[in-house]
C-alpha atoms as a PDB file:
ATOM      1  CA  MET A   1      -4.354 128.713 117.487  1.00  0.00           C
ATOM      2  CA  ILE A   2      -7.314 127.041 115.803  1.00  0.00           C
ATOM      3  CA  ARG A   3      -6.820 123.908 117.883  1.00  0.00           C
ATOM      4  CA  GLY A   4      -6.814 126.005 121.072  1.00  0.00           C
ATOM      5  CA  VAL A   5     -10.101 127.663 120.094  1.00  0.00           C
ATOM      6  CA  ALA A   6     -11.620 124.262 119.266  1.00  0.00           C
ATOM      7  CA  VAL A   7     -10.578 122.898 122.678  1.00  0.00           C
ATOM      8  CA  LEU A   8     -12.058 125.951 124.417  1.00  0.00           C
ATOM      9  CA  ILE A   9     -15.357 125.558 122.558  1.00  0.00           C
ATOM     10  CA  PHE A  10     -15.432 121.855 123.433  1.00  0.00           C
ATOM     11  CA  LEU A  11     -14.821 122.552 127.131  1.00  0.00           C
ATOM     12  CA  CYS A  12     -17.511 125.227 127.274  1.00  0.00           C
ATOM     13  CA  THR A  13     -19.985 122.921 125.552  1.00  0.00           C
ATOM     14  CA  ALA A  14     -19.082 119.979 127.780  1.00  0.00           C
ATOM     15  CA  VAL A  15     -19.534 122.016 130.968  1.00  0.00           C
ATOM     16  CA  HIS A  16     -22.868 123.413 129.785  1.00  0.00           C
ATOM     17  CA  SER A  17     -24.216 120.057 128.647  1.00  0.00           C
ATOM     18  CA  ARG A  18     -23.288 118.323 131.920  1.00  0.00           C
ATOM     19  CA  ALA A  19     -25.384 120.597 134.098  1.00  0.00           C
ATOM     20  CA  GLU A  20     -26.152 118.509 137.136  1.00  0.00           C
ATOM     21  CA  MET A  21     -26.099 118.797 140.902  1.00  0.00           C
ATOM     22  CA  ARG A  22     -25.719 116.217 143.620  1.00  0.00           C
ATOM     23  CA  CYS A  23     -27.930 116.347 146.726  1.00  0.00           C
ATOM     24  CA  ASP A  24     -26.693 113.739 149.199  1.00  0.00           C
ATOM     25  CA  GLU A  25     -26.908 110.520 147.183  1.00  0.00           C
ATOM     26  CA  SER A  26     -29.307 111.839 144.509  1.00  0.00           C
ATOM     27  CA  LEU A  27     -28.546 113.521 141.210  1.00  0.00           C
ATOM     28  CA  VAL A  28     -30.538 116.458 139.815  1.00  0.00           C
ATOM     29  CA  GLN A  29     -30.232 117.464 136.166  1.00  0.00           C
ATOM     30  CA  ARG A  30     -31.769 119.696 133.535  1.00  0.00           C
ATOM     31  CA  GLY A  31     -35.231 118.641 132.445  1.00  0.00           C
ATOM     32  CA  PHE A  32     -36.412 117.718 135.945  1.00  0.00           C
ATOM     33  CA  ASN A  33     -39.609 119.337 137.230  1.00  0.00           C
ATOM     34  CA  PHE A  34     -40.183 120.983 140.629  1.00  0.00           C
ATOM     35  CA  ILE A  35     -41.345 117.799 142.331  1.00  0.00           C
ATOM     36  CA  GLU A  36     -38.340 115.763 141.165  1.00  0.00           C
ATOM     37  CA  VAL A  37     -35.948 118.394 142.522  1.00  0.00           C
ATOM     38  CA  LEU A  38     -37.851 118.718 145.823  1.00  0.00           C
ATOM     39  CA  GLU A  39     -37.830 114.937 146.291  1.00  0.00           C
ATOM     40  CA  ARG A  40     -34.056 114.787 145.864  1.00  0.00           C
ATOM     41  CA  CYS A  41     -32.879 118.050 147.455  1.00  0.00           C
ATOM     42  CA  GLY A  42     -35.667 119.274 149.693  1.00  0.00           C
ATOM     43  CA  PRO A  43     -36.875 122.890 149.702  1.00  0.00           C
ATOM     44  CA  PRO A  44     -34.441 125.581 148.515  1.00  0.00           C
ATOM     45  CA  ASP A  45     -32.700 127.905 150.959  1.00  0.00           C
ATOM     46  CA  ALA A  46     -34.125 130.868 149.010  1.00  0.00           C
ATOM     47  CA  GLU A  47     -36.286 131.294 145.943  1.00  0.00           C
ATOM     48  CA  TYR A  48     -37.256 134.097 143.610  1.00  0.00           C
ATOM     49  CA  ARG A  49     -40.117 134.252 141.110  1.00  0.00           C
ATOM     50  CA  ARG A  50     -40.357 136.509 138.092  1.00  0.00           C
ATOM     51  CA  VAL A  51     -41.911 136.708 134.665  1.00  0.00           C
ATOM     52  CA  SER A  52     -39.902 137.182 131.484  1.00  0.00           C
ATOM     53  CA  PHE A  53     -41.821 138.922 128.722  1.00  0.00           C
ATOM     54  CA  LEU A  54     -40.881 137.396 125.371  1.00  0.00           C
ATOM     55  CA  ALA A  55     -43.218 139.366 123.105  1.00  0.00           C
ATOM     56  CA  ALA A  56     -46.513 141.232 123.262  1.00  0.00           C
ATOM     57  CA  GLY A  57     -48.844 138.974 125.252  1.00  0.00           C
ATOM     58  CA  VAL A  58     -46.237 136.192 125.560  1.00  0.00           C
ATOM     59  CA  TYR A  59     -44.570 135.639 128.907  1.00  0.00           C
ATOM     60  CA  LEU A  60     -42.492 132.955 130.562  1.00  0.00           C
ATOM     61  CA  PRO A  61     -42.782 132.144 134.287  1.00  0.00           C
ATOM     62  CA  VAL A  62     -39.293 131.798 135.786  1.00  0.00           C
ATOM     63  CA  GLU A  63     -38.286 130.564 139.239  1.00  0.00           C
ATOM     64  CA  GLU A  64     -34.789 130.673 140.659  1.00  0.00           C
ATOM     65  CA  TRP A  65     -33.904 128.442 143.580  1.00  0.00           C
ATOM     66  CA  PHE A  66     -30.746 128.832 145.655  1.00  0.00           C
ATOM     67  CA  TYR A  67     -29.198 125.907 147.486  1.00  0.00           C
ATOM     68  CA  GLU A  68     -26.425 126.390 150.009  1.00  0.00           C
ATOM     69  CA  GLN A  69     -24.534 123.150 150.490  1.00  0.00           C
ATOM     70  CA  GLY A  70     -22.162 124.247 153.212  1.00  0.00           C
ATOM     71  CA  SER A  71     -20.216 127.346 154.213  1.00  0.00           C
ATOM     72  CA  ASN A  72     -17.127 126.360 152.262  1.00  0.00           C
ATOM     73  CA  ARG A  73     -18.923 125.189 149.107  1.00  0.00           C
ATOM     74  CA  PHE A  74     -20.274 127.076 146.135  1.00  0.00           C
ATOM     75  CA  ARG A  75     -23.945 127.990 146.130  1.00  0.00           C
ATOM     76  CA  ARG A  76     -26.094 126.473 143.413  1.00  0.00           C
ATOM     77  CA  LEU A  77     -28.629 128.491 141.436  1.00  0.00           C
ATOM     78  CA  LEU A  78     -31.317 126.406 139.739  1.00  0.00           C
ATOM     79  CA  THR A  79     -33.442 128.144 137.115  1.00  0.00           C
ATOM     80  CA  PHE A  80     -36.856 126.771 136.174  1.00  0.00           C
ATOM     81  CA  GLU A  81     -38.822 127.914 133.130  1.00  0.00           C
ATOM     82  CA  ASN A  82     -42.413 126.716 132.770  1.00  0.00           C
ATOM     83  CA  GLY A  83     -41.810 124.349 135.682  1.00  0.00           C
ATOM     84  CA  ARG A  84     -38.765 122.604 134.158  1.00  0.00           C
ATOM     85  CA  LEU A  85     -35.164 122.892 135.305  1.00  0.00           C
ATOM     86  CA  VAL A  86     -33.241 124.585 132.484  1.00  0.00           C
ATOM     87  CA  ARG A  87     -30.009 125.707 134.142  1.00  0.00           C
ATOM     88  CA  ILE A  88     -27.797 124.860 137.113  1.00  0.00           C
ATOM     89  CA  GLU A  89     -25.128 127.422 137.927  1.00  0.00           C
ATOM     90  CA  LEU A  90     -22.334 127.599 140.455  1.00  0.00           C
ATOM     91  CA  ARG A  91     -22.415 130.842 142.399  1.00  0.00           C
ATOM     92  CA  PRO A  92     -19.726 132.293 144.695  1.00  0.00           C
ATOM     93  CA  LYS A  93     -19.098 130.791 148.103  1.00  0.00           C
ATOM     94  CA  PRO A  94     -21.288 132.563 150.665  1.00  0.00           C
ATOM     95  CA  GLU A  95     -19.900 135.393 152.742  1.00  0.00           C
ATOM     96  CA  VAL A  96     -23.084 135.303 154.812  1.00  0.00           C
ATOM     97  CA  PRO A  97     -25.336 132.231 154.976  1.00  0.00           C
ATOM     98  CA  ILE A  98     -28.751 132.679 153.358  1.00  0.00           C
ATOM     99  CA  SER A  99     -30.361 131.873 156.712  1.00  0.00           C
ATOM    100  CA  GLU A 100     -28.819 135.061 158.179  1.00  0.00           C
ATOM    101  CA  LEU A 101     -29.986 137.360 155.380  1.00  0.00           C
ATOM    102  CA  HIS A 102     -33.120 139.453 155.851  1.00  0.00           C
ATOM    103  CA  LEU A 103     -35.079 138.459 152.751  1.00  0.00           C
ATOM    104  CA  PRO A 104     -38.484 140.007 151.937  1.00  0.00           C
END
């Protein structure tokens, strides 16, 4: 039982620490800034900006970029905080391509 929990913790840590995304022949990973991601992957298919309030008078600018890498592939969600890439997530395969959505 303990060994199973240890393996699960290891796998979760390994997946989280290997957050990277391939764009054609280039690799994007946590710590990159906007320009480095744009150079390797081009503009996102959709983006969303928001502000997270951490405490009174303290806020964190957050940008989320979506990349669609094909109709039969998982979407990628890249989260930037203060201009640095902090998270790369796999999102469900698209039912409707972003290009066909009516975004504001």
